[in-house]
Protein backbone atom coordinates (compact mmCIF):
# COMPACT_ATOMS: atom_id res chain seq x y z
CA LEU A 1 -14.87 -6.16 28.47
CA PRO A 2 -11.90 -6.68 26.05
CA ALA A 3 -10.20 -9.06 28.40
CA MET A 4 -13.45 -11.11 28.64
CA PHE A 5 -13.70 -11.45 24.85
CA THR A 6 -10.05 -12.30 24.59
CA ALA A 7 -10.38 -15.02 27.21
CA LEU A 8 -13.56 -16.48 25.77
CA LEU A 9 -12.32 -16.62 22.18
CA ASP A 10 -8.62 -17.28 22.84
CA PHE A 11 -7.64 -14.73 20.21
CA HIS A 12 -4.76 -12.23 20.07
CA PRO A 13 -6.17 -8.85 21.16
CA TYR A 14 -5.38 -5.19 20.41
CA TYR A 15 -7.55 -2.76 22.35
CA ALA A 16 -7.20 0.92 21.36
CA PRO A 17 -9.07 3.24 23.76
CA ASN A 18 -10.28 6.53 22.37
CA VAL A 19 -11.96 7.83 25.53
CA ARG A 20 -10.07 7.05 28.67
CA ASP A 21 -9.83 3.25 28.92
CA SER A 22 -13.47 2.61 28.71
CA TYR A 23 -14.33 3.28 25.03
CA GLY A 24 -12.40 2.39 21.92
CA ASN A 25 -11.85 -0.28 19.19
CA LEU A 26 -11.10 -3.95 19.87
CA THR A 27 -9.40 -6.10 17.26
CA LEU A 28 -9.30 -9.86 17.88
CA SER A 29 -7.10 -11.96 15.63
CA ARG A 30 -6.67 -15.66 15.20
CA TRP A 31 -3.07 -14.85 14.23
CA LYS A 32 -0.50 -12.89 16.33
CA ILE A 33 -0.55 -9.13 15.85
CA SER A 34 3.05 -8.11 15.22
CA LYS A 35 2.57 -4.31 15.33
CA SER A 36 -0.27 -2.08 16.38
CA ARG A 37 -1.09 1.57 16.95
CA ASN A 38 -4.06 3.83 17.38
CA VAL A 39 -4.73 7.18 15.67
CA LEU A 40 -7.25 9.52 17.01
CA LEU A 41 -9.58 10.98 14.35
CA PRO A 42 -10.65 14.60 13.93
CA ASP A 43 -13.48 15.76 16.23
CA PRO A 44 -13.76 19.48 15.61
CA ASP A 45 -17.51 19.44 16.62
CA SER A 46 -16.67 17.80 19.96
CA GLU A 47 -19.14 14.91 19.45
CA GLU A 48 -17.11 12.04 20.95
CA GLN A 49 -13.48 11.14 20.36
CA ARG A 50 -13.12 8.45 17.67
CA GLY A 51 -10.08 6.61 16.50
CA ILE A 52 -8.81 3.98 14.05
CA SER A 53 -6.62 1.13 15.21
CA ILE A 54 -4.07 -0.22 12.84
CA ALA A 55 -2.68 -3.73 13.23
CA THR A 56 -0.12 -5.59 11.28
CA ILE A 57 -0.96 -9.31 11.06
CA PRO A 58 1.35 -11.76 9.44
CA VAL A 59 -0.57 -14.76 8.04
CA GLY A 60 1.66 -17.30 6.26
CA ASP A 61 3.27 -15.61 3.33
CA VAL A 62 0.97 -12.66 3.52
CA THR A 63 1.16 -9.60 5.88
CA LEU A 64 -2.25 -7.97 6.40
CA THR A 65 -2.71 -4.37 7.37
CA PHE A 66 -5.95 -4.40 9.36
CA LEU A 67 -7.76 -1.23 10.36
CA ASN A 68 -10.75 -1.09 12.77
CA THR A 69 -12.85 2.04 13.39
CA HIS A 70 -16.12 3.45 14.62
CA LEU A 71 -16.83 6.93 13.03
CA SER A 72 -18.91 9.76 14.13
CA TRP A 73 -22.65 9.63 13.46
CA GLY A 74 -24.07 13.19 14.01
CA SER A 75 -21.67 15.74 12.58
CA PRO A 76 -21.19 15.69 8.76
CA ARG A 77 -18.07 17.77 9.19
CA ASN A 78 -16.62 15.15 11.56
CA GLN A 79 -17.50 12.34 9.17
CA GLN A 80 -15.88 14.00 6.18
CA LEU A 81 -12.74 14.84 8.09
CA GLN A 82 -12.49 11.28 9.50
CA PHE A 83 -12.95 9.75 6.08
CA GLU A 84 -10.33 12.06 4.62
CA MET A 85 -7.90 11.19 7.40
CA ILE A 86 -8.37 7.49 6.97
CA ARG A 87 -7.75 7.98 3.22
CA ASP A 88 -4.54 9.74 4.04
CA ILE A 89 -3.47 6.99 6.44
CA VAL A 90 -4.09 4.15 4.02
CA ARG A 91 -2.17 5.81 1.27
CA GLU A 92 0.98 5.15 3.40
CA LEU A 93 0.19 1.56 4.16
CA PRO A 94 1.27 -1.63 2.32
CA GLU A 95 -1.29 -3.69 0.72
CA PRO A 96 -3.34 -5.67 1.35
CA VAL A 97 -5.43 -3.38 3.58
CA ILE A 98 -8.65 -4.29 5.30
CA ILE A 99 -10.78 -1.66 6.97
CA VAL A 100 -13.59 -2.81 9.22
CA GLY A 101 -16.06 -0.99 11.43
CA ASP A 102 -19.12 1.03 12.02
CA PHE A 103 -18.93 3.78 9.47
CA ASN A 104 -22.23 5.28 10.50
CA THR A 105 -22.99 5.78 6.80
CA VAL A 106 -23.56 3.54 3.77
CA PRO A 107 -21.36 3.21 0.64
CA SER A 108 -23.83 5.20 -1.56
CA LYS A 109 -23.65 8.29 0.69
CA LYS A 110 -21.46 11.39 0.15
CA PHE A 111 -18.30 10.70 2.34
CA PHE A 112 -17.99 6.91 1.94
CA PRO A 113 -16.75 7.23 -1.72
CA ILE A 114 -13.66 9.00 -0.37
CA LEU A 115 -12.38 5.55 0.39
CA LEU A 116 -13.95 3.73 -2.54
CA TYR A 117 -12.24 6.14 -5.00
CA GLU A 118 -8.96 5.31 -3.11
CA GLY A 119 -9.05 1.74 -4.43
CA PHE A 120 -11.16 -0.11 -1.81
CA VAL A 121 -14.26 -2.20 -2.39
CA SER A 122 -17.16 -2.60 -0.08
CA SER A 123 -17.67 -6.31 0.74
CA ARG A 124 -21.42 -5.67 1.11
CA LEU A 125 -21.71 -4.25 -2.36
CA THR A 126 -19.51 -6.96 -3.81
CA LEU A 127 -21.63 -9.64 -2.32
CA LYS A 128 -24.81 -7.84 -3.25
CA LEU A 129 -25.93 -7.67 0.37
CA LYS A 130 -28.24 -4.97 1.78
CA GLN A 131 -26.22 -1.80 2.61
CA GLY A 132 -25.66 -1.07 6.29
CA TYR A 133 -23.40 1.08 8.54
CA ASP A 134 -20.99 -1.81 9.29
CA ASP A 135 -18.82 -3.00 6.48
CA VAL A 136 -15.47 -4.59 5.54
CA LEU A 137 -13.55 -2.60 2.96
CA ILE A 138 -10.80 -4.44 1.24
CA SER A 139 -7.98 -3.34 -1.19
CA GLU A 140 -9.44 -3.62 -4.76
CA SER A 141 -6.54 -5.96 -5.75
CA TRP A 142 -7.99 -8.50 -3.22
CA LYS A 143 -11.58 -8.20 -4.45
CA ASP A 144 -11.49 -11.76 -5.99
CA ARG A 145 -10.58 -13.20 -2.58
CA ILE A 146 -13.94 -12.28 -1.07
CA ILE A 147 -15.71 -15.77 -0.71
CA ASP A 148 -18.92 -15.04 1.24
CA GLY A 149 -20.57 -12.75 3.77
CA LYS A 150 -23.78 -12.54 5.75
CA ILE A 151 -25.78 -10.02 7.66
CA ILE A 152 -26.91 -11.30 11.14
CA ILE A 153 -29.76 -9.60 12.89
CA SER A 154 -29.48 -9.56 16.66
CA LYS A 155 -31.08 -7.82 19.52
CA LEU A 156 -27.66 -7.40 21.06
CA SER A 157 -26.86 -4.35 19.01
CA ASP A 158 -28.60 -1.43 17.22
CA HIS A 159 -26.81 -2.66 13.99
CA PRO A 160 -26.97 -6.03 12.37
CA ALA A 161 -23.66 -7.82 12.56
CA PHE A 162 -21.79 -8.53 9.28
CA TRP A 163 -19.14 -11.14 8.70
CA MET A 164 -17.15 -11.91 5.66
CA ASP A 165 -14.99 -14.96 4.50
CA LEU A 166 -11.83 -14.01 2.74
CA ARG A 167 -9.38 -16.27 1.00
CA LEU A 168 -5.98 -15.36 2.50
CA SER A 169 -3.79 -17.54 0.38
CA LYS A 170 -3.71 -16.74 -3.34
CA ASP A 171 -3.61 -20.47 -4.25
CA SER A 172 -6.22 -21.74 -1.73
CA LYS A 173 -9.70 -22.60 -3.13
CA PRO A 174 -12.91 -21.13 -1.68
CA LYS A 175 -15.23 -23.55 0.16
CA GLY A 176 -17.03 -25.91 -2.25
CA GLU A 177 -14.44 -25.89 -4.97
């Protein structure tokens, strides 16, 4: 499946399997991924192994640190430990950091603030969109670069899709300006 998406979209891929080769996180980038790694997240309640992929993506004069994850949904203990581990990981990463994925919780719930207190903003909250499990978190210093976003309802998934436009260059103007 990752190879199919890569071929269809002609993007640079990084596939990080968490369960054998069949289940993991796929990051597709318009720009070349210069460095990547996968970190397995805690799973003490043996739900299903989850991970977070970390990709370094140079874009012009900016180097993005891009994280992609799909967190546990059933075990509160797993969720808490996974949010805490991601917090510890991002403390060591250079800004700007973007974290995307299915968090299986919303920003107003108990474990999500672990990342919000660490200097991240929820794009959904910033854009005043309905809360959902899928979100894009961005370093607070880049909050003013969020241009637009939209929730897309589809029968292809149990979650609505979420996309966000982000101004990468400090000097570039958002659409319409």
